[in-house]
Amino acid sequence: MSISVYAGAMRAHALALAILLAGCSPGARLSNAWLSPTYQGPPFHTILVVGETADGAMRRTFEDSFAAELNRRGVRAIPSYTVIPGNDAAPTPQALRAAADRAGAEGVLTTRILRVEQKTETTPGFVRSVPVWGYPGGFYGYYGYYYRNVLVRTPTIRTYSVAQLETELWSLRGNNDLVWTADSEAVSPNDAARVGTRLAISVADDLQSAGLITAPAPS
């Protein structure tokens, strides 16, 4: 698949990264990671980061988080919103290609939401006490005992969103092919910056292990 075809499909999937969760464990867990068996190119040193969303604020938050983690590892990572002029919508294929050329990007790293599910978690309530016989002080002794020793918990119901995300690394060398992809899971809309940072850690770890980015030289 070419970068132009991919970018065209990307516009059709303009998504809100607001549903990324704050509750991911540090370094979000990746699944279904895939590395192209035919890729023989060198590691990527300059990568354009693209958040696929129609929400400009969320796009900037995600791209900044990812770029910061990759830059920390010695990669020149460029948030796409800093080099693509115009509105905050997902860039057109032409704008994406022009921005990548201007930046000298060797690859494009993207994240999009595959689907969102609504889930409900119910915690049952209970009343617990330890029966005793005889309460010194009559009614007030009885009331004082239960006031201090009866534990009551009311039932609770929590509804939250679970988003399945897909992150991909595309090479801009040669045929502009897909090089690496992995899925991740995010729960509940809350803090996109925190989630973006945690997802970036896991993705960067996997890219580094696969030799697609190089570890920074020891200081």
N, C-alpha and C. Protein backbone atom coordinates (compact mmCIF):
# COMPACT_ATOMS: atom_id res chain seq x y z
N MET A 1 0.85 -1.20 0.00
CA MET A 1 0.00 0.00 0.00
C MET A 1 0.88 1.23 0.00
N SER A 2 0.59 2.20 -0.86
CA SER A 2 1.39 3.41 -0.93
C SER A 2 0.97 4.39 0.14
N ILE A 3 1.85 5.38 0.42
CA ILE A 3 1.53 6.39 1.42
C ILE A 3 0.34 7.23 0.97
N SER A 4 0.17 7.43 -0.35
CA SER A 4 -0.97 8.21 -0.84
C SER A 4 -2.28 7.49 -0.58
N VAL A 5 -2.31 6.18 -0.86
CA VAL A 5 -3.52 5.40 -0.60
C VAL A 5 -3.82 5.39 0.88
N TYR A 6 -2.77 5.20 1.68
CA TYR A 6 -2.97 5.18 3.13
C TYR A 6 -3.50 6.50 3.64
N ALA A 7 -2.89 7.60 3.17
CA ALA A 7 -3.30 8.92 3.64
C ALA A 7 -4.74 9.21 3.24
N GLY A 8 -5.15 8.74 2.06
CA GLY A 8 -6.54 8.93 1.67
C GLY A 8 -7.48 8.19 2.60
N ALA A 9 -7.11 6.96 2.98
CA ALA A 9 -7.93 6.21 3.92
C ALA A 9 -7.94 6.88 5.29
N MET A 10 -6.83 7.51 5.64
CA MET A 10 -6.72 8.16 6.94
C MET A 10 -7.76 9.26 7.09
N ARG A 11 -8.01 10.00 6.02
CA ARG A 11 -8.98 11.09 6.10
C ARG A 11 -10.37 10.55 6.40
N ALA A 12 -10.66 9.35 5.89
CA ALA A 12 -11.98 8.76 6.12
C ALA A 12 -12.14 8.29 7.55
N HIS A 13 -11.05 8.21 8.28
CA HIS A 13 -11.09 7.73 9.66
C HIS A 13 -10.69 8.83 10.63
N ALA A 14 -11.11 10.06 10.39
CA ALA A 14 -10.80 11.16 11.31
C ALA A 14 -11.40 10.83 12.65
N LEU A 15 -10.58 10.75 13.69
CA LEU A 15 -10.99 10.21 14.98
C LEU A 15 -10.66 11.16 16.10
N ALA A 16 -11.30 11.00 17.21
CA ALA A 16 -11.03 11.83 18.39
C ALA A 16 -10.17 11.03 19.35
N LEU A 17 -8.92 11.44 19.54
CA LEU A 17 -8.04 10.75 20.47
C LEU A 17 -8.40 11.05 21.92
N ALA A 18 -9.49 11.79 22.12
CA ALA A 18 -9.95 12.08 23.48
C ALA A 18 -10.30 10.82 24.23
N ILE A 19 -10.58 9.69 23.54
CA ILE A 19 -11.00 8.51 24.26
C ILE A 19 -9.83 7.68 24.75
N LEU A 20 -8.62 8.19 24.60
CA LEU A 20 -7.47 7.49 25.17
C LEU A 20 -7.55 7.55 26.68
N LEU A 21 -7.09 6.53 27.35
CA LEU A 21 -7.29 6.51 28.77
C LEU A 21 -6.12 6.97 29.59
N ALA A 22 -6.48 7.43 30.79
CA ALA A 22 -5.46 7.80 31.75
C ALA A 22 -5.05 6.58 32.57
N GLY A 23 -5.81 5.50 32.52
CA GLY A 23 -5.54 4.38 33.40
C GLY A 23 -4.68 3.30 32.81
N CYS A 24 -4.07 3.48 31.67
CA CYS A 24 -3.16 2.47 31.13
C CYS A 24 -1.99 2.28 32.09
N SER A 25 -1.49 1.08 32.18
CA SER A 25 -0.31 0.87 33.00
C SER A 25 0.87 1.56 32.32
N PRO A 26 1.90 1.96 33.13
CA PRO A 26 3.07 2.63 32.53
C PRO A 26 3.65 1.77 31.43
N GLY A 27 3.76 2.34 30.27
CA GLY A 27 4.13 1.55 29.12
C GLY A 27 2.94 0.70 28.74
N ALA A 28 2.02 1.23 27.93
CA ALA A 28 0.80 0.51 27.57
C ALA A 28 1.15 -0.82 26.92
N ARG A 29 0.35 -1.83 27.20
CA ARG A 29 0.63 -3.16 26.66
C ARG A 29 0.27 -3.22 25.18
N LEU A 30 1.20 -3.70 24.35
CA LEU A 30 0.97 -3.87 22.92
C LEU A 30 0.56 -5.30 22.63
N SER A 31 -0.22 -5.47 21.58
CA SER A 31 -0.59 -6.81 21.13
C SER A 31 -0.56 -6.85 19.61
N ASN A 32 -0.50 -8.07 19.08
CA ASN A 32 -0.51 -8.27 17.62
C ASN A 32 0.58 -7.47 16.91
N ALA A 33 1.72 -7.32 17.56
CA ALA A 33 2.83 -6.60 16.92
C ALA A 33 3.31 -7.38 15.69
N TRP A 34 3.58 -6.64 14.62
CA TRP A 34 4.01 -7.25 13.35
C TRP A 34 5.14 -6.43 12.77
N LEU A 35 6.17 -7.11 12.31
CA LEU A 35 7.31 -6.49 11.65
C LEU A 35 7.42 -7.06 10.25
N SER A 36 7.53 -6.20 9.25
CA SER A 36 7.62 -6.66 7.87
C SER A 36 8.83 -7.57 7.69
N PRO A 37 8.62 -8.77 7.18
CA PRO A 37 9.74 -9.69 6.97
C PRO A 37 10.62 -9.29 5.80
N THR A 38 10.13 -8.36 4.99
CA THR A 38 10.89 -7.98 3.79
C THR A 38 11.65 -6.67 3.96
N TYR A 39 11.44 -5.98 5.07
CA TYR A 39 12.12 -4.70 5.24
C TYR A 39 13.60 -4.93 5.54
N GLN A 40 14.45 -4.35 4.74
CA GLN A 40 15.89 -4.51 4.90
C GLN A 40 16.60 -3.17 5.08
N GLY A 41 15.83 -2.12 5.27
CA GLY A 41 16.41 -0.78 5.35
C GLY A 41 17.08 -0.51 6.68
N PRO A 42 17.78 0.61 6.77
CA PRO A 42 18.46 1.00 8.02
C PRO A 42 17.44 1.53 9.03
N PRO A 43 17.86 1.78 10.27
CA PRO A 43 16.95 2.37 11.26
C PRO A 43 16.47 3.75 10.81
N PHE A 44 15.34 4.16 11.35
CA PHE A 44 14.77 5.46 11.03
C PHE A 44 15.35 6.52 11.97
N HIS A 45 15.80 7.61 11.39
CA HIS A 45 16.37 8.70 12.18
C HIS A 45 15.46 9.93 12.21
N THR A 46 14.59 10.07 11.21
CA THR A 46 13.67 11.20 11.15
C THR A 46 12.27 10.66 10.85
N ILE A 47 11.32 10.90 11.77
CA ILE A 47 9.98 10.34 11.66
C ILE A 47 8.94 11.45 11.84
N LEU A 48 7.97 11.47 10.95
CA LEU A 48 6.83 12.38 11.06
C LEU A 48 5.74 11.67 11.86
N VAL A 49 5.25 12.32 12.93
CA VAL A 49 4.24 11.72 13.81
C VAL A 49 2.88 12.29 13.47
N VAL A 50 1.90 11.41 13.20
CA VAL A 50 0.56 11.83 12.80
C VAL A 50 -0.48 11.19 13.71
N GLY A 51 -1.27 12.03 14.38
CA GLY A 51 -2.43 11.55 15.13
C GLY A 51 -3.66 11.67 14.25
N GLU A 52 -4.31 10.56 13.97
CA GLU A 52 -5.46 10.56 13.07
C GLU A 52 -6.71 10.99 13.82
N THR A 53 -7.03 12.26 13.79
CA THR A 53 -8.17 12.78 14.52
C THR A 53 -8.62 14.09 13.92
N ALA A 54 -9.92 14.34 14.01
CA ALA A 54 -10.47 15.62 13.57
C ALA A 54 -10.44 16.65 14.69
N ASP A 55 -10.07 16.22 15.89
CA ASP A 55 -9.98 17.11 17.05
C ASP A 55 -8.56 17.67 17.11
N GLY A 56 -8.42 18.96 16.79
CA GLY A 56 -7.09 19.56 16.71
C GLY A 56 -6.32 19.52 18.00
N ALA A 57 -7.00 19.78 19.13
CA ALA A 57 -6.31 19.79 20.42
C ALA A 57 -5.79 18.40 20.77
N MET A 58 -6.60 17.38 20.51
CA MET A 58 -6.17 16.02 20.81
C MET A 58 -5.06 15.58 19.88
N ARG A 59 -5.15 16.00 18.64
CA ARG A 59 -4.08 15.66 17.69
C ARG A 59 -2.74 16.23 18.17
N ARG A 60 -2.73 17.50 18.57
CA ARG A 60 -1.49 18.13 19.02
C ARG A 60 -0.96 17.46 20.28
N THR A 61 -1.87 17.13 21.21
CA THR A 61 -1.45 16.49 22.46
C THR A 61 -0.80 15.14 22.19
N PHE A 62 -1.43 14.34 21.35
CA PHE A 62 -0.87 13.03 21.03
C PHE A 62 0.48 13.15 20.33
N GLU A 63 0.53 13.98 19.30
CA GLU A 63 1.76 14.09 18.52
C GLU A 63 2.90 14.63 19.37
N ASP A 64 2.63 15.57 20.25
CA ASP A 64 3.68 16.10 21.14
C ASP A 64 4.21 15.02 22.07
N SER A 65 3.31 14.21 22.62
CA SER A 65 3.72 13.15 23.55
C SER A 65 4.61 12.13 22.85
N PHE A 66 4.22 11.73 21.65
CA PHE A 66 4.99 10.73 20.92
C PHE A 66 6.33 11.29 20.47
N ALA A 67 6.31 12.51 19.97
CA ALA A 67 7.55 13.12 19.50
C ALA A 67 8.54 13.27 20.64
N ALA A 68 8.06 13.64 21.83
CA ALA A 68 8.95 13.82 22.97
C ALA A 68 9.66 12.52 23.33
N GLU A 69 8.94 11.41 23.33
CA GLU A 69 9.55 10.12 23.69
C GLU A 69 10.56 9.68 22.63
N LEU A 70 10.22 9.83 21.37
CA LEU A 70 11.15 9.44 20.32
C LEU A 70 12.38 10.34 20.31
N ASN A 71 12.19 11.63 20.51
CA ASN A 71 13.33 12.55 20.57
C ASN A 71 14.26 12.19 21.73
N ARG A 72 13.66 11.77 22.83
CA ARG A 72 14.46 11.38 23.99
C ARG A 72 15.36 10.20 23.66
N ARG A 73 14.97 9.40 22.69
CA ARG A 73 15.74 8.22 22.30
C ARG A 73 16.65 8.49 21.10
N GLY A 74 16.81 9.73 20.75
CA GLY A 74 17.75 10.08 19.69
C GLY A 74 17.16 10.14 18.30
N VAL A 75 15.84 9.99 18.18
CA VAL A 75 15.18 10.09 16.88
C VAL A 75 14.70 11.52 16.69
N ARG A 76 14.84 12.05 15.51
CA ARG A 76 14.27 13.36 15.20
C ARG A 76 12.80 13.14 14.81
N ALA A 77 11.92 13.32 15.80
CA ALA A 77 10.50 13.09 15.59
C ALA A 77 9.78 14.43 15.47
N ILE A 78 8.94 14.58 14.45
CA ILE A 78 8.32 15.86 14.12
C ILE A 78 6.81 15.72 14.20
N PRO A 79 6.14 16.44 15.12
CA PRO A 79 4.68 16.44 15.13
C PRO A 79 4.15 17.02 13.82
N SER A 80 3.22 16.35 13.18
CA SER A 80 2.78 16.79 11.85
C SER A 80 2.12 18.16 11.88
N TYR A 81 1.48 18.51 13.00
CA TYR A 81 0.79 19.81 13.03
C TYR A 81 1.76 20.98 12.96
N THR A 82 3.04 20.73 13.27
CA THR A 82 4.02 21.83 13.23
C THR A 82 4.53 22.11 11.82
N VAL A 83 4.28 21.19 10.89
CA VAL A 83 4.80 21.37 9.53
C VAL A 83 3.72 21.33 8.46
N ILE A 84 2.47 21.10 8.87
CA ILE A 84 1.36 21.09 7.92
C ILE A 84 0.47 22.29 8.21
N PRO A 85 0.45 23.28 7.34
CA PRO A 85 -0.37 24.47 7.58
C PRO A 85 -1.85 24.18 7.37
N GLY A 86 -2.69 25.12 7.83
CA GLY A 86 -4.12 24.99 7.61
C GLY A 86 -4.86 24.65 8.87
N ASN A 87 -6.04 24.07 8.72
CA ASN A 87 -6.89 23.78 9.89
C ASN A 87 -6.40 22.55 10.62
N ASP A 88 -7.15 22.17 11.68
CA ASP A 88 -6.72 21.07 12.54
C ASP A 88 -7.20 19.71 12.06
N ALA A 89 -7.89 19.65 10.96
CA ALA A 89 -8.38 18.36 10.47
C ALA A 89 -7.21 17.49 10.01
N ALA A 90 -7.48 16.19 9.86
CA ALA A 90 -6.45 15.29 9.36
C ALA A 90 -5.94 15.80 8.02
N PRO A 91 -4.63 15.80 7.79
CA PRO A 91 -4.08 16.38 6.56
C PRO A 91 -4.45 15.57 5.32
N THR A 92 -4.50 16.25 4.20
CA THR A 92 -4.75 15.59 2.92
C THR A 92 -3.50 14.80 2.52
N PRO A 93 -3.65 13.84 1.60
CA PRO A 93 -2.46 13.12 1.13
C PRO A 93 -1.40 14.06 0.56
N GLN A 94 -1.83 15.09 -0.15
CA GLN A 94 -0.88 16.02 -0.74
C GLN A 94 -0.13 16.81 0.33
N ALA A 95 -0.87 17.27 1.34
CA ALA A 95 -0.23 18.03 2.42
C ALA A 95 0.72 17.15 3.22
N LEU A 96 0.34 15.90 3.42
CA LEU A 96 1.18 14.97 4.16
C LEU A 96 2.48 14.69 3.41
N ARG A 97 2.36 14.46 2.12
CA ARG A 97 3.55 14.19 1.32
C ARG A 97 4.49 15.40 1.29
N ALA A 98 3.91 16.59 1.11
CA ALA A 98 4.73 17.81 1.07
C ALA A 98 5.43 18.05 2.39
N ALA A 99 4.72 17.81 3.51
CA ALA A 99 5.32 18.02 4.83
C ALA A 99 6.45 17.03 5.07
N ALA A 100 6.24 15.78 4.68
CA ALA A 100 7.28 14.77 4.86
C ALA A 100 8.52 15.11 4.04
N ASP A 101 8.31 15.61 2.83
CA ASP A 101 9.44 15.99 1.98
C ASP A 101 10.21 17.17 2.59
N ARG A 102 9.45 18.18 3.08
CA ARG A 102 10.12 19.34 3.67
C ARG A 102 10.91 18.96 4.91
N ALA A 103 10.38 18.03 5.69
CA ALA A 103 11.03 17.63 6.93
C ALA A 103 12.16 16.63 6.70
N GLY A 104 12.25 16.08 5.50
CA GLY A 104 13.24 15.05 5.24
C GLY A 104 12.94 13.77 6.00
N ALA A 105 11.64 13.49 6.22
CA ALA A 105 11.24 12.32 7.00
C ALA A 105 11.50 11.03 6.24
N GLU A 106 12.01 10.06 6.95
CA GLU A 106 12.24 8.73 6.39
C GLU A 106 11.06 7.80 6.64
N GLY A 107 10.19 8.18 7.60
CA GLY A 107 9.04 7.36 7.93
C GLY A 107 7.93 8.19 8.55
N VAL A 108 6.73 7.61 8.59
CA VAL A 108 5.57 8.24 9.21
C VAL A 108 5.01 7.27 10.25
N LEU A 109 4.82 7.77 11.47
CA LEU A 109 4.26 6.97 12.56
C LEU A 109 2.86 7.50 12.85
N THR A 110 1.86 6.62 12.79
CA THR A 110 0.47 7.04 12.97
C THR A 110 -0.20 6.20 14.05
N THR A 111 -1.24 6.77 14.66
CA THR A 111 -2.11 6.01 15.55
C THR A 111 -3.55 6.35 15.23
N ARG A 112 -4.40 5.33 15.16
CA ARG A 112 -5.82 5.54 14.93
C ARG A 112 -6.62 4.59 15.81
N ILE A 113 -7.90 4.92 16.00
CA ILE A 113 -8.79 4.11 16.81
C ILE A 113 -9.54 3.14 15.90
N LEU A 114 -9.45 1.85 16.23
CA LEU A 114 -10.14 0.83 15.44
C LEU A 114 -11.61 0.71 15.82
N ARG A 115 -11.90 0.72 17.12
CA ARG A 115 -13.27 0.60 17.59
C ARG A 115 -13.33 1.01 19.06
N VAL A 116 -14.54 1.29 19.51
CA VAL A 116 -14.78 1.68 20.90
C VAL A 116 -15.94 0.85 21.44
N GLU A 117 -15.76 0.26 22.61
CA GLU A 117 -16.82 -0.52 23.24
C GLU A 117 -17.18 0.12 24.58
N GLN A 118 -18.46 0.09 24.91
CA GLN A 118 -18.93 0.56 26.21
C GLN A 118 -19.06 -0.64 27.15
N LYS A 119 -18.48 -0.54 28.33
CA LYS A 119 -18.53 -1.63 29.30
C LYS A 119 -19.06 -1.11 30.63
N THR A 120 -19.65 -2.02 31.41
CA THR A 120 -20.21 -1.67 32.72
C THR A 120 -19.62 -2.60 33.76
N GLU A 121 -19.23 -2.02 34.87
CA GLU A 121 -18.67 -2.78 35.99
C GLU A 121 -19.53 -2.52 37.22
N THR A 122 -20.03 -3.59 37.84
CA THR A 122 -20.92 -3.47 39.01
C THR A 122 -20.23 -4.06 40.24
N THR A 123 -20.25 -3.31 41.32
CA THR A 123 -19.72 -3.78 42.61
C THR A 123 -20.89 -3.95 43.56
N PRO A 124 -21.16 -5.17 44.04
CA PRO A 124 -22.32 -5.36 44.92
C PRO A 124 -22.12 -4.69 46.28
N GLY A 125 -23.21 -4.29 46.88
CA GLY A 125 -23.14 -3.72 48.22
C GLY A 125 -23.30 -4.79 49.29
N PHE A 126 -23.06 -4.43 50.54
CA PHE A 126 -23.23 -5.38 51.63
C PHE A 126 -23.36 -4.62 52.95
N VAL A 127 -23.89 -5.33 53.94
CA VAL A 127 -23.92 -4.85 55.33
C VAL A 127 -23.25 -5.93 56.16
N ARG A 128 -22.28 -5.54 56.98
CA ARG A 128 -21.54 -6.53 57.76
C ARG A 128 -21.42 -6.06 59.20
N SER A 129 -21.69 -6.95 60.12
CA SER A 129 -21.52 -6.64 61.54
C SER A 129 -21.24 -7.93 62.28
N VAL A 130 -20.75 -7.80 63.49
CA VAL A 130 -20.48 -8.96 64.35
C VAL A 130 -21.50 -8.94 65.48
N PRO A 131 -22.39 -9.93 65.50
CA PRO A 131 -23.44 -9.92 66.54
C PRO A 131 -22.84 -10.17 67.93
N VAL A 132 -23.38 -9.49 68.89
CA VAL A 132 -23.00 -9.72 70.29
C VAL A 132 -24.27 -9.75 71.13
N TRP A 133 -24.16 -10.28 72.35
CA TRP A 133 -25.32 -10.36 73.23
C TRP A 133 -25.10 -9.42 74.41
N GLY A 134 -26.04 -8.53 74.57
CA GLY A 134 -25.97 -7.62 75.69
C GLY A 134 -25.25 -6.34 75.33
N TYR A 135 -25.88 -5.20 75.55
CA TYR A 135 -25.29 -3.91 75.26
C TYR A 135 -25.35 -3.08 76.52
N PRO A 136 -24.23 -2.85 77.16
CA PRO A 136 -24.24 -2.01 78.36
C PRO A 136 -24.80 -0.62 78.00
N GLY A 137 -25.69 -0.13 78.83
CA GLY A 137 -26.24 1.19 78.58
C GLY A 137 -27.52 1.18 77.79
N GLY A 138 -28.16 0.00 77.63
CA GLY A 138 -29.43 -0.05 76.95
C GLY A 138 -29.35 0.37 75.49
N PHE A 139 -30.33 1.17 75.06
CA PHE A 139 -30.41 1.56 73.66
C PHE A 139 -29.17 2.30 73.22
N TYR A 140 -28.67 3.23 74.05
CA TYR A 140 -27.53 4.03 73.62
C TYR A 140 -26.26 3.20 73.50
N GLY A 141 -26.14 2.16 74.35
CA GLY A 141 -25.02 1.25 74.17
C GLY A 141 -25.13 0.46 72.89
N TYR A 142 -26.35 0.00 72.60
CA TYR A 142 -26.61 -0.72 71.35
C TYR A 142 -26.30 0.16 70.14
N TYR A 143 -26.82 1.38 70.16
CA TYR A 143 -26.61 2.29 69.02
C TYR A 143 -25.14 2.63 68.85
N GLY A 144 -24.44 2.84 69.97
CA GLY A 144 -23.02 3.16 69.89
C GLY A 144 -22.21 2.03 69.29
N TYR A 145 -22.60 0.78 69.61
CA TYR A 145 -21.88 -0.36 69.05
C TYR A 145 -22.02 -0.40 67.54
N TYR A 146 -23.26 -0.34 67.06
CA TYR A 146 -23.47 -0.42 65.63
C TYR A 146 -22.95 0.80 64.88
N TYR A 147 -22.98 1.93 65.53
CA TYR A 147 -22.44 3.14 64.90
C TYR A 147 -20.95 2.96 64.60
N ARG A 148 -20.24 2.24 65.50
CA ARG A 148 -18.80 2.06 65.35
C ARG A 148 -18.43 0.80 64.58
N ASN A 149 -19.30 -0.22 64.58
CA ASN A 149 -18.87 -1.55 64.11
C ASN A 149 -19.63 -2.12 62.92
N VAL A 150 -20.66 -1.48 62.46
CA VAL A 150 -21.37 -1.98 61.29
C VAL A 150 -20.81 -1.32 60.03
N LEU A 151 -20.40 -2.15 59.09
CA LEU A 151 -19.85 -1.66 57.83
C LEU A 151 -20.90 -1.81 56.74
N VAL A 152 -21.22 -0.69 56.08
CA VAL A 152 -22.20 -0.70 55.01
C VAL A 152 -21.55 -0.17 53.74
N ARG A 153 -21.70 -0.92 52.64
CA ARG A 153 -21.23 -0.44 51.35
C ARG A 153 -22.37 -0.53 50.35
N THR A 154 -22.70 0.58 49.74
CA THR A 154 -23.79 0.59 48.77
C THR A 154 -23.29 0.07 47.43
N PRO A 155 -24.16 -0.52 46.61
CA PRO A 155 -23.74 -0.99 45.28
C PRO A 155 -23.28 0.19 44.41
N THR A 156 -22.31 -0.07 43.56
CA THR A 156 -21.84 0.95 42.63
C THR A 156 -21.84 0.40 41.21
N ILE A 157 -22.12 1.27 40.26
CA ILE A 157 -22.12 0.90 38.84
C ILE A 157 -21.24 1.91 38.10
N ARG A 158 -20.27 1.41 37.36
CA ARG A 158 -19.35 2.28 36.61
C ARG A 158 -19.41 1.91 35.14
N THR A 159 -19.67 2.88 34.30
CA THR A 159 -19.68 2.69 32.85
C THR A 159 -18.47 3.40 32.25
N TYR A 160 -17.75 2.72 31.38
CA TYR A 160 -16.55 3.29 30.80
C TYR A 160 -16.36 2.81 29.36
N SER A 161 -15.51 3.52 28.64
CA SER A 161 -15.21 3.19 27.25
C SER A 161 -13.89 2.44 27.16
N VAL A 162 -13.84 1.46 26.28
CA VAL A 162 -12.59 0.76 25.99
C VAL A 162 -12.30 0.93 24.51
N ALA A 163 -11.19 1.55 24.20
CA ALA A 163 -10.82 1.82 22.81
C ALA A 163 -9.69 0.90 22.37
N GLN A 164 -9.82 0.35 21.20
CA GLN A 164 -8.76 -0.45 20.58
C GLN A 164 -8.05 0.45 19.57
N LEU A 165 -6.74 0.59 19.75
CA LEU A 165 -5.96 1.48 18.89
C LEU A 165 -4.96 0.71 18.06
N GLU A 166 -4.58 1.29 16.95
CA GLU A 166 -3.58 0.70 16.07
C GLU A 166 -2.51 1.75 15.76
N THR A 167 -1.26 1.38 15.99
CA THR A 167 -0.14 2.26 15.67
C THR A 167 0.68 1.61 14.56
N GLU A 168 1.07 2.42 13.57
CA GLU A 168 1.78 1.90 12.40
C GLU A 168 2.99 2.77 12.08
N LEU A 169 4.03 2.14 11.59
CA LEU A 169 5.20 2.84 11.07
C LEU A 169 5.31 2.54 9.59
N TRP A 170 5.27 3.60 8.78
CA TRP A 170 5.37 3.49 7.32
C TRP A 170 6.71 4.03 6.87
N SER A 171 7.36 3.32 5.97
CA SER A 171 8.62 3.78 5.40
C SER A 171 8.33 4.70 4.22
N LEU A 172 9.06 5.80 4.14
CA LEU A 172 8.96 6.69 2.98
C LEU A 172 10.10 6.45 2.00
N ARG A 173 10.86 5.40 2.24
CA ARG A 173 11.90 5.00 1.31
C ARG A 173 11.30 4.01 0.31
N GLY A 174 11.76 4.01 -0.90
CA GLY A 174 11.33 3.01 -1.87
C GLY A 174 9.85 3.09 -2.18
N ASN A 175 9.11 2.02 -1.85
CA ASN A 175 7.69 1.91 -2.21
C ASN A 175 6.74 2.44 -1.15
N ASN A 176 7.26 3.11 -0.13
CA ASN A 176 6.40 3.66 0.94
C ASN A 176 5.57 2.58 1.62
N ASP A 177 6.21 1.50 2.01
CA ASP A 177 5.49 0.34 2.54
C ASP A 177 5.32 0.41 4.05
N LEU A 178 4.35 -0.37 4.54
CA LEU A 178 4.16 -0.56 5.97
C LEU A 178 5.28 -1.43 6.50
N VAL A 179 5.93 -0.96 7.58
CA VAL A 179 7.08 -1.67 8.14
C VAL A 179 6.74 -2.36 9.45
N TRP A 180 5.92 -1.71 10.27
CA TRP A 180 5.64 -2.23 11.62
C TRP A 180 4.26 -1.78 12.04
N THR A 181 3.53 -2.63 12.80
CA THR A 181 2.23 -2.26 13.34
C THR A 181 1.98 -3.02 14.63
N ALA A 182 1.17 -2.43 15.51
CA ALA A 182 0.79 -3.08 16.76
C ALA A 182 -0.51 -2.47 17.27
N ASP A 183 -1.26 -3.25 18.02
CA ASP A 183 -2.50 -2.78 18.64
C ASP A 183 -2.25 -2.48 20.12
N SER A 184 -3.12 -1.66 20.68
CA SER A 184 -3.08 -1.39 22.12
C SER A 184 -4.49 -1.09 22.57
N GLU A 185 -4.69 -1.02 23.89
CA GLU A 185 -6.01 -0.80 24.45
C GLU A 185 -5.98 0.38 25.41
N ALA A 186 -7.03 1.20 25.34
CA ALA A 186 -7.14 2.35 26.23
C ALA A 186 -8.53 2.34 26.85
N VAL A 187 -8.60 2.69 28.12
CA VAL A 187 -9.86 2.63 28.85
C VAL A 187 -10.21 3.99 29.44
N SER A 188 -11.42 4.47 29.12
CA SER A 188 -12.02 5.68 29.69
C SER A 188 -11.40 6.97 29.18
N PRO A 189 -12.21 7.91 28.73
CA PRO A 189 -11.71 9.20 28.26
C PRO A 189 -11.29 10.06 29.44
N ASN A 190 -10.04 10.43 29.49
CA ASN A 190 -9.60 11.23 30.63
C ASN A 190 -8.41 12.10 30.29
N ASP A 191 -7.22 11.52 30.26
CA ASP A 191 -6.00 12.31 30.10
C ASP A 191 -5.21 11.82 28.90
N ALA A 192 -5.46 12.42 27.75
CA ALA A 192 -4.82 11.97 26.51
C ALA A 192 -3.32 12.15 26.54
N ALA A 193 -2.83 13.21 27.20
CA ALA A 193 -1.39 13.44 27.24
C ALA A 193 -0.69 12.32 27.99
N ARG A 194 -1.26 11.93 29.11
CA ARG A 194 -0.67 10.85 29.91
C ARG A 194 -0.69 9.54 29.14
N VAL A 195 -1.81 9.26 28.47
CA VAL A 195 -1.91 8.02 27.71
C VAL A 195 -0.96 8.03 26.52
N GLY A 196 -0.89 9.16 25.82
CA GLY A 196 0.01 9.24 24.68
C GLY A 196 1.45 8.98 25.07
N THR A 197 1.84 9.50 26.24
CA THR A 197 3.21 9.28 26.71
C THR A 197 3.46 7.82 27.01
N ARG A 198 2.50 7.17 27.66
CA ARG A 198 2.67 5.76 28.02
C ARG A 198 2.67 4.86 26.78
N LEU A 199 1.79 5.17 25.85
CA LEU A 199 1.78 4.39 24.61
C LEU A 199 3.09 4.58 23.85
N ALA A 200 3.58 5.81 23.84
CA ALA A 200 4.83 6.11 23.14
C ALA A 200 5.99 5.30 23.71
N ILE A 201 6.02 5.12 25.02
CA ILE A 201 7.09 4.34 25.65
C ILE A 201 7.09 2.91 25.12
N SER A 202 5.92 2.29 25.10
CA SER A 202 5.83 0.90 24.64
C SER A 202 6.17 0.77 23.17
N VAL A 203 5.67 1.69 22.36
CA VAL A 203 5.95 1.64 20.93
C VAL A 203 7.44 1.85 20.67
N ALA A 204 8.03 2.84 21.33
CA ALA A 204 9.46 3.10 21.14
C ALA A 204 10.30 1.90 21.59
N ASP A 205 9.91 1.26 22.68
CA ASP A 205 10.62 0.06 23.14
C ASP A 205 10.60 -1.02 22.06
N ASP A 206 9.41 -1.23 21.47
CA ASP A 206 9.29 -2.29 20.47
C ASP A 206 10.05 -1.94 19.20
N LEU A 207 9.97 -0.69 18.77
CA LEU A 207 10.71 -0.26 17.58
C LEU A 207 12.21 -0.41 17.80
N GLN A 208 12.66 -0.10 19.00
CA GLN A 208 14.08 -0.21 19.31
C GLN A 208 14.52 -1.67 19.32
N SER A 209 13.67 -2.54 19.91
CA SER A 209 14.00 -3.97 19.94
C SER A 209 14.06 -4.56 18.53
N ALA A 210 13.23 -4.03 17.64
CA ALA A 210 13.20 -4.52 16.26
C ALA A 210 14.29 -3.91 15.40
N GLY A 211 15.06 -2.99 15.96
CA GLY A 211 16.13 -2.35 15.20
C GLY A 211 15.65 -1.27 14.25
N LEU A 212 14.40 -0.81 14.44
CA LEU A 212 13.86 0.22 13.54
C LEU A 212 14.25 1.63 13.98
N ILE A 213 14.58 1.77 15.25
CA ILE A 213 15.23 3.00 15.73
C ILE A 213 16.42 2.53 16.56
N THR A 214 17.42 3.38 16.68
CA THR A 214 18.62 2.98 17.41
C THR A 214 18.62 3.63 18.79
N ALA A 215 19.20 2.93 19.75
CA ALA A 215 19.33 3.47 21.09
C ALA A 215 20.31 4.62 21.08
N PRO A 216 20.04 5.67 21.90
CA PRO A 216 21.01 6.79 21.94
C PRO A 216 22.35 6.33 22.48
N ALA A 217 23.41 6.97 22.01
CA ALA A 217 24.77 6.63 22.47
C ALA A 217 24.90 6.97 23.95
N PRO A 218 25.63 6.15 24.72
CA PRO A 218 25.84 6.43 26.14
C PRO A 218 26.52 7.78 26.32
N SER A 219 26.06 8.51 27.35
CA SER A 219 26.65 9.82 27.61
C SER A 219 27.91 9.67 28.45
